[in-house]
C-alpha atoms as a PDB file:
ATOM      1  CA  MET A   1    -107.632  39.706 141.388  1.00  0.00           C
ATOM      2  CA  ARG A   2    -108.350  36.097 142.013  1.00  0.00           C
ATOM      3  CA  ALA A   3    -111.984  36.738 140.817  1.00  0.00           C
ATOM      4  CA  SER A   4    -110.835  38.210 137.695  1.00  0.00           C
ATOM      5  CA  VAL A   5    -108.538  35.346 136.690  1.00  0.00           C
ATOM      6  CA  GLY A   6    -111.270  32.885 137.585  1.00  0.00           C
ATOM      7  CA  ARG A   7    -113.623  34.869 135.108  1.00  0.00           C
ATOM      8  CA  ILE A   8    -110.809  34.470 132.410  1.00  0.00           C
ATOM      9  CA  GLN A   9    -110.295  30.948 132.987  1.00  0.00           C
ATOM     10  CA  ALA A  10    -113.917  30.256 132.883  1.00  0.00           C
ATOM     11  CA  ARG A  11    -114.507  32.159 129.732  1.00  0.00           C
ATOM     12  CA  SER A  12    -111.274  30.007 128.228  1.00  0.00           C
ATOM     13  CA  ALA A  13    -112.934  26.886 129.383  1.00  0.00           C
ATOM     14  CA  ALA A  14    -116.286  27.983 127.439  1.00  0.00           C
ATOM     15  CA  CYS A  15    -114.405  28.842 124.173  1.00  0.00           C
ATOM     16  CA  ALA A  16    -112.717  25.350 124.408  1.00  0.00           C
ATOM     17  CA  ARG A  17    -115.932  23.315 124.202  1.00  0.00           C
ATOM     18  CA  PRO A  18    -116.722  21.977 120.998  1.00  0.00           C
ATOM     19  CA  ALA A  19    -119.808  23.981 119.314  1.00  0.00           C
ATOM     20  CA  ALA A  20    -123.038  21.957 119.855  1.00  0.00           C
ATOM     21  CA  THR A  21    -124.124  20.022 116.486  1.00  0.00           C
ATOM     22  CA  ARG A  22    -127.569  20.144 115.276  1.00  0.00           C
ATOM     23  CA  ALA A  23    -128.695  16.526 114.860  1.00  0.00           C
ATOM     24  CA  VAL A  24    -129.764  15.820 111.278  1.00  0.00           C
ATOM     25  CA  THR A  25    -133.004  13.781 110.853  1.00  0.00           C
ATOM     26  CA  THR A  26    -134.144  12.374 107.868  1.00  0.00           C
ATOM     27  CA  CYS A  27    -137.695  11.846 107.413  1.00  0.00           C
ATOM     28  CA  LYS A  28    -138.873   8.293 106.621  1.00  0.00           C
ATOM     29  CA  GLU A  29    -140.770   7.456 103.356  1.00  0.00           C
ATOM     30  CA  SER A  30    -144.427   7.160 103.752  1.00  0.00           C
ATOM     31  CA  ARG A  31    -145.446   3.715 104.236  1.00  0.00           C
ATOM     32  CA  ILE A  32    -148.759   4.226 102.727  1.00  0.00           C
ATOM     33  CA  GLY A  33    -147.446   6.313  99.929  1.00  0.00           C
ATOM     34  CA  LYS A  34    -144.916   3.685  98.712  1.00  0.00           C
ATOM     35  CA  LYS A  35    -147.963   0.908  98.282  1.00  0.00           C
ATOM     36  CA  PRO A  36    -148.946   0.849  94.841  1.00  0.00           C
ATOM     37  CA  VAL A  37    -152.989   0.803  93.996  1.00  0.00           C
ATOM     38  CA  LEU A  38    -154.087  -1.911  92.332  1.00  0.00           C
ATOM     39  CA  VAL A  39    -156.364  -1.233  89.647  1.00  0.00           C
ATOM     40  CA  GLY A  40    -158.481  -4.603  89.872  1.00  0.00           C
ATOM     41  CA  LYS A  41    -161.926  -4.196  87.957  1.00  0.00           C
ATOM     42  CA  SER A  42    -161.598  -0.515  87.406  1.00  0.00           C
ATOM     43  CA  GLU A  43    -160.293   1.117  83.860  1.00  0.00           C
ATOM     44  CA  VAL A  44    -157.514   3.638  84.459  1.00  0.00           C
ATOM     45  CA  LYS A  45    -156.479   6.400  82.234  1.00  0.00           C
ATOM     46  CA  LEU A  46    -153.615   8.760  83.245  1.00  0.00           C
ATOM     47  CA  GLN A  47    -152.873  12.053  81.322  1.00  0.00           C
ATOM     48  CA  GLY A  48    -150.032  14.016  83.160  1.00  0.00           C
ATOM     49  CA  GLN A  49    -151.092  14.585  86.591  1.00  0.00           C
ATOM     50  CA  VAL A  50    -154.720  13.836  85.805  1.00  0.00           C
ATOM     51  CA  LEU A  51    -156.133  10.330  86.697  1.00  0.00           C
ATOM     52  CA  THR A  52    -159.335   8.975  85.662  1.00  0.00           C
ATOM     53  CA  VAL A  53    -160.909   5.759  87.037  1.00  0.00           C
ATOM     54  CA  LYS A  54    -163.902   4.084  85.759  1.00  0.00           C
ATOM     55  CA  GLY A  55    -166.054   1.217  87.255  1.00  0.00           C
ATOM     56  CA  PRO A  56    -169.465  -0.314  87.182  1.00  0.00           C
ATOM     57  CA  LEU A  57    -170.778   2.291  89.530  1.00  0.00           C
ATOM     58  CA  GLY A  58    -169.368   5.526  88.025  1.00  0.00           C
ATOM     59  CA  THR A  59    -166.367   7.396  86.888  1.00  0.00           C
ATOM     60  CA  LEU A  60    -163.972   9.747  88.822  1.00  0.00           C
ATOM     61  CA  THR A  61    -161.091  12.091  87.912  1.00  0.00           C
ATOM     62  CA  ARG A  62    -158.650  13.887  90.089  1.00  0.00           C
ATOM     63  CA  GLU A  63    -155.629  16.087  89.029  1.00  0.00           C
ATOM     64  CA  PHE A  64    -152.929  15.537  91.727  1.00  0.00           C
ATOM     65  CA  PRO A  65    -150.336  18.234  92.669  1.00  0.00           C
ATOM     66  CA  SER A  66    -146.854  18.626  91.103  1.00  0.00           C
ATOM     67  CA  GLU A  67    -145.071  17.617  94.142  1.00  0.00           C
ATOM     68  CA  ILE A  68    -146.327  14.018  93.578  1.00  0.00           C
ATOM     69  CA  SER A  69    -145.656  11.850  90.415  1.00  0.00           C
ATOM     70  CA  VAL A  70    -148.467   9.510  89.219  1.00  0.00           C
ATOM     71  CA  ALA A  71    -147.624   6.624  86.942  1.00  0.00           C
ATOM     72  CA  MET A  72    -148.834   3.361  85.660  1.00  0.00           C
ATOM     73  CA  SER A  73    -146.756   0.199  86.189  1.00  0.00           C
ATOM     74  CA  ASP A  74    -145.429  -1.707  83.231  1.00  0.00           C
ATOM     75  CA  ASP A  75    -148.317  -4.005  82.894  1.00  0.00           C
ATOM     76  CA  ASN A  76    -150.960  -1.416  83.854  1.00  0.00           C
ATOM     77  CA  SER A  77    -152.242  -3.338  86.890  1.00  0.00           C
ATOM     78  CA  ALA A  78    -151.283  -0.551  89.307  1.00  0.00           C
ATOM     79  CA  VAL A  79    -150.771   3.254  89.753  1.00  0.00           C
ATOM     80  CA  THR A  80    -147.807   4.444  91.675  1.00  0.00           C
ATOM     81  CA  PHE A  81    -147.433   7.784  93.651  1.00  0.00           C
ATOM     82  CA  LYS A  82    -143.836   8.990  94.412  1.00  0.00           C
ATOM     83  CA  LYS A  83    -142.463  12.503  95.461  1.00  0.00           C
ATOM     84  CA  THR A  84    -140.849  14.684  92.833  1.00  0.00           C
ATOM     85  CA  GLU A  85    -139.004  16.679  95.481  1.00  0.00           C
ATOM     86  CA  GLU A  86    -137.751  16.320  99.382  1.00  0.00           C
ATOM     87  CA  THR A  87    -139.824  18.768 100.852  1.00  0.00           C
ATOM     88  CA  LYS A  88    -142.144  18.882 103.784  1.00  0.00           C
ATOM     89  CA  LYS A  89    -145.017  19.584 101.651  1.00  0.00           C
ATOM     90  CA  ALA A  90    -144.153  16.742  99.363  1.00  0.00           C
ATOM     91  CA  ARG A  91    -143.609  14.282 102.342  1.00  0.00           C
ATOM     92  CA  GLN A  92    -147.134  15.377 103.806  1.00  0.00           C
ATOM     93  CA  LEU A  93    -148.835  14.902 100.575  1.00  0.00           C
ATOM     94  CA  HIS A  94    -147.172  11.465  99.511  1.00  0.00           C
ATOM     95  CA  GLY A  95    -149.304   9.348 101.733  1.00  0.00           C
ATOM     96  CA  LEU A  96    -152.375  11.492 101.086  1.00  0.00           C
ATOM     97  CA  CYS A  97    -152.506  11.183  97.240  1.00  0.00           C
ATOM     98  CA  ARG A  98    -151.909   7.499  97.478  1.00  0.00           C
ATOM     99  CA  THR A  99    -154.977   7.121  99.859  1.00  0.00           C
ATOM    100  CA  LEU A 100    -157.058   9.357  97.450  1.00  0.00           C
ATOM    101  CA  GLY A 101    -155.919   7.145  94.539  1.00  0.00           C
ATOM    102  CA  GLN A 102    -157.238   4.211  96.258  1.00  0.00           C
ATOM    103  CA  ASN A 103    -160.539   5.888  97.273  1.00  0.00           C
ATOM    104  CA  MET A 104    -161.296   6.304  93.609  1.00  0.00           C
ATOM    105  CA  VAL A 105    -160.540   2.730  92.642  1.00  0.00           C
ATOM    106  CA  THR A 106    -162.679   1.386  95.715  1.00  0.00           C
ATOM    107  CA  GLY A 107    -165.446   3.678  94.950  1.00  0.00           C
ATOM    108  CA  VAL A 108    -166.259   3.058  91.412  1.00  0.00           C
ATOM    109  CA  VAL A 109    -166.130  -0.723  92.030  1.00  0.00           C
ATOM    110  CA  ASP A 110    -167.416  -1.288  95.519  1.00  0.00           C
ATOM    111  CA  GLY A 111    -168.895   2.049  96.452  1.00  0.00           C
ATOM    112  CA  TRP A 112    -168.899   3.860  99.772  1.00  0.00           C
ATOM    113  CA  GLU A 113    -171.658   3.837 102.500  1.00  0.00           C
ATOM    114  CA  LYS A 114    -172.406   6.070 105.583  1.00  0.00           C
ATOM    115  CA  LYS A 115    -175.162   4.958 107.922  1.00  0.00           C
ATOM    116  CA  LEU A 116    -177.240   7.468 110.133  1.00  0.00           C
ATOM    117  CA  SER A 117    -179.704   6.968 112.926  1.00  0.00           C
ATOM    118  CA  LEU A 118    -182.386   9.248 113.959  1.00  0.00           C
ATOM    119  CA  ILE A 119    -183.270   9.200 117.776  1.00  0.00           C
ATOM    120  CA  GLY A 120    -186.294  11.232 119.356  1.00  0.00           C
ATOM    121  CA  VAL A 121    -189.928  10.896 119.519  1.00  0.00           C
ATOM    122  CA  GLY A 122    -191.423  11.643 116.171  1.00  0.00           C
ATOM    123  CA  TYR A 123    -187.983  11.915 114.416  1.00  0.00           C
ATOM    124  CA  ARG A 124    -188.043   9.963 110.947  1.00  0.00           C
ATOM    125  CA  ALA A 125    -187.001  10.249 107.539  1.00  0.00           C
ATOM    126  CA  ALA A 126    -188.797   9.283 104.175  1.00  0.00           C
ATOM    127  CA  MET A 127    -187.829   9.303 100.568  1.00  0.00           C
ATOM    128  CA  LYS A 128    -189.547  11.663  98.363  1.00  0.00           C
ATOM    129  CA  GLY A 129    -189.253  10.204  94.725  1.00  0.00           C
ATOM    130  CA  SER A 130    -185.626   8.849  93.995  1.00  0.00           C
ATOM    131  CA  ASN A 131    -183.630  12.247  94.538  1.00  0.00           C
ATOM    132  CA  GLN A 132    -184.702  13.746  97.634  1.00  0.00           C
ATOM    133  CA  ILE A 133    -184.925  12.907 101.277  1.00  0.00           C
ATOM    134  CA  GLU A 134    -187.435  14.355 103.843  1.00  0.00           C
ATOM    135  CA  LEU A 135    -186.470  14.567 107.356  1.00  0.00           C
ATOM    136  CA  GLN A 136    -189.429  14.991 110.336  1.00  0.00           C
ATOM    137  CA  LEU A 137    -187.061  16.688 113.173  1.00  0.00           C
ATOM    138  CA  GLY A 138    -189.537  18.479 115.412  1.00  0.00           C
ATOM    139  CA  TYR A 139    -189.503  21.580 113.381  1.00  0.00           C
ATOM    140  CA  ILE A 140    -192.703  23.279 112.169  1.00  0.00           C
ATOM    141  CA  HIS A 141    -191.755  22.155 108.809  1.00  0.00           C
ATOM    142  CA  PRO A 142    -190.125  18.801 107.395  1.00  0.00           C
ATOM    143  CA  VAL A 143    -186.519  19.389 106.258  1.00  0.00           C
ATOM    144  CA  VAL A 144    -186.148  18.509 102.453  1.00  0.00           C
ATOM    145  CA  LEU A 145    -182.617  17.638 100.931  1.00  0.00           C
ATOM    146  CA  ASP A 146    -181.815  16.920  97.436  1.00  0.00           C
ATOM    147  CA  LEU A 147    -179.412  14.061  96.767  1.00  0.00           C
ATOM    148  CA  PRO A 148    -176.220  14.976  95.057  1.00  0.00           C
ATOM    149  CA  GLU A 149    -175.384  13.555  91.782  1.00  0.00           C
ATOM    150  CA  GLY A 150    -174.013   9.875  92.210  1.00  0.00           C
ATOM    151  CA  VAL A 151    -175.565   9.408  95.600  1.00  0.00           C
ATOM    152  CA  LYS A 152    -178.249   7.371  96.536  1.00  0.00           C
ATOM    153  CA  ALA A 153    -180.223   7.070  99.947  1.00  0.00           C
ATOM    154  CA  GLU A 154    -182.363   4.273 101.727  1.00  0.00           C
ATOM    155  CA  VAL A 155    -184.675   4.509 104.629  1.00  0.00           C
ATOM    156  CA  ASP A 156    -185.449   1.373 106.770  1.00  0.00           C
ATOM    157  CA  LYS A 157    -189.023   0.323 107.591  1.00  0.00           C
ATOM    158  CA  SER A 158    -188.917   2.023 110.760  1.00  0.00           C
ATOM    159  CA  GLN A 159    -188.030   5.401 109.304  1.00  0.00           C
ATOM    160  CA  THR A 160    -185.218   6.090 111.738  1.00  0.00           C
ATOM    161  CA  ALA A 161    -182.283   4.713 109.882  1.00  0.00           C
ATOM    162  CA  ILE A 162    -180.699   6.264 106.677  1.00  0.00           C
ATOM    163  CA  THR A 163    -178.034   4.611 104.404  1.00  0.00           C
ATOM    164  CA  ILE A 164    -176.334   6.980 102.118  1.00  0.00           C
ATOM    165  CA  THR A 165    -174.306   5.406  99.156  1.00  0.00           C
ATOM    166  CA  GLY A 166    -172.283   6.524  96.254  1.00  0.00           C
ATOM    167  CA  TYR A 167    -168.963   6.116  94.539  1.00  0.00           C
ATOM    168  CA  ASP A 168    -167.408   9.258  95.380  1.00  0.00           C
ATOM    169  CA  LYS A 169    -166.238   9.119  99.193  1.00  0.00           C
ATOM    170  CA  GLU A 170    -166.005  12.779  99.550  1.00  0.00           C
ATOM    171  CA  VAL A 171    -169.563  13.472  98.241  1.00  0.00           C
ATOM    172  CA  VAL A 172    -170.997  10.707 100.275  1.00  0.00           C
ATOM    173  CA  GLY A 173    -169.251  11.913 103.496  1.00  0.00           C
ATOM    174  CA  ASN A 174    -170.345  15.452 102.735  1.00  0.00           C
ATOM    175  CA  PHE A 175    -173.627  14.673 102.364  1.00  0.00           C
ATOM    176  CA  ALA A 176    -173.882  12.441 105.445  1.00  0.00           C
ATOM    177  CA  ALA A 177    -172.561  15.380 107.385  1.00  0.00           C
ATOM    178  CA  VAL A 178    -175.177  17.824 105.728  1.00  0.00           C
ATOM    179  CA  VAL A 179    -178.198  15.403 106.984  1.00  0.00           C
ATOM    180  CA  ARG A 180    -176.440  15.112 110.479  1.00  0.00           C
ATOM    181  CA  SER A 181    -176.171  18.847 110.870  1.00  0.00           C
ATOM    182  CA  LYS A 182    -179.940  19.361 110.370  1.00  0.00           C
ATOM    183  CA  ARG A 183    -180.343  17.977 113.990  1.00  0.00           C
ATOM    184  CA  PRO A 184    -176.861  17.322 115.678  1.00  0.00           C
ATOM    185  CA  PRO A 185    -177.393  14.976 118.821  1.00  0.00           C
ATOM    186  CA  GLU A 186    -177.504  17.054 121.982  1.00  0.00           C
ATOM    187  CA  VAL A 187    -175.593  15.818 124.736  1.00  0.00           C
ATOM    188  CA  TYR A 188    -178.273  15.459 127.485  1.00  0.00           C
ATOM    189  CA  LYS A 189    -180.830  13.225 126.035  1.00  0.00           C
ATOM    190  CA  GLY A 190    -179.122  12.152 122.865  1.00  0.00           C
ATOM    191  CA  LYS A 191    -181.970  13.148 120.710  1.00  0.00           C
ATOM    192  CA  GLY A 192    -180.991  14.031 117.088  1.00  0.00           C
ATOM    193  CA  ILE A 193    -179.301  12.663 114.075  1.00  0.00           C
ATOM    194  CA  ARG A 194    -175.908  10.826 114.628  1.00  0.00           C
ATOM    195  CA  TYR A 195    -173.708   8.662 112.646  1.00  0.00           C
ATOM    196  CA  ALA A 196    -174.655   4.788 113.376  1.00  0.00           C
ATOM    197  CA  ASP A 197    -171.080   4.215 114.642  1.00  0.00           C
ATOM    198  CA  GLU A 198    -171.045   7.515 116.739  1.00  0.00           C
ATOM    199  CA  TYR A 199    -170.411   7.576 120.318  1.00  0.00           C
ATOM    200  CA  VAL A 200    -172.052  10.680 121.849  1.00  0.00           C
ATOM    201  CA  ARG A 201    -170.794  11.496 125.381  1.00  0.00           C
ATOM    202  CA  MET A 202    -173.771  12.475 127.402  1.00  0.00           C
ATOM    203  CA  LYS A 203    -173.894  15.154 130.200  1.00  0.00           C
ATOM    204  CA  GLU A 204    -175.691  15.010 133.356  1.00  0.00           C
ATOM    205  CA  GLY A 205    -178.740  17.262 133.509  1.00  0.00           C
ATOM    206  CA  LYS A 206    -178.468  20.365 135.902  1.00  0.00           C
ATOM    207  CA  ALA A 207    -180.137  19.665 139.181  1.00  0.00           C
ATOM    208  CA  GLY A 208    -183.162  22.015 139.903  1.00  0.00           C
ATOM    209  CA  LYS A 209    -182.556  24.855 142.320  1.00  0.00           C
ATOM    210  CA  LYS A 210    -183.923  23.809 146.018  1.00  0.00           C
END
């Protein structure tokens, strides 16, 4: 009987406890997204969600998603990016869209650059005309790559360093990745193509069987 009373009292106490409340969290505004993109020496044209940026190095155009509102400042000196809705997707896109806008302005005015190093005996690079690069990477035949539109490449005198430049950051980065992929650095001796600022973690070679 006492056990039954105890169970009833325990249930009553549980029911008397206040219901747990879920903490309400508010996501902070993106610090990057709130910053305006200064136009500087570039010329900017905005039509709806389509932004066109023109500079001494070239012209870039990008359409931004509807979750982000793109606008020019009153004096046309800057581009601003604001969320059109309070959703997770909009919050994720806010800072990204602002960064993409900044990359457009920086690209057409100053350009972007990627440097690669060739490491290995006999590994070398050379330009073929102004729109092709030839890579000697230990294969039977050399690897010849066409430069994308708006991209330039230079090879130093040692033929072991490549500098890739262009006004579109994505195109420059993608082409540099293609070059690297033709002979990625191996982890035992480090031979291959790597970014100039890339750190390759080396592995110890396997000891021979005794």
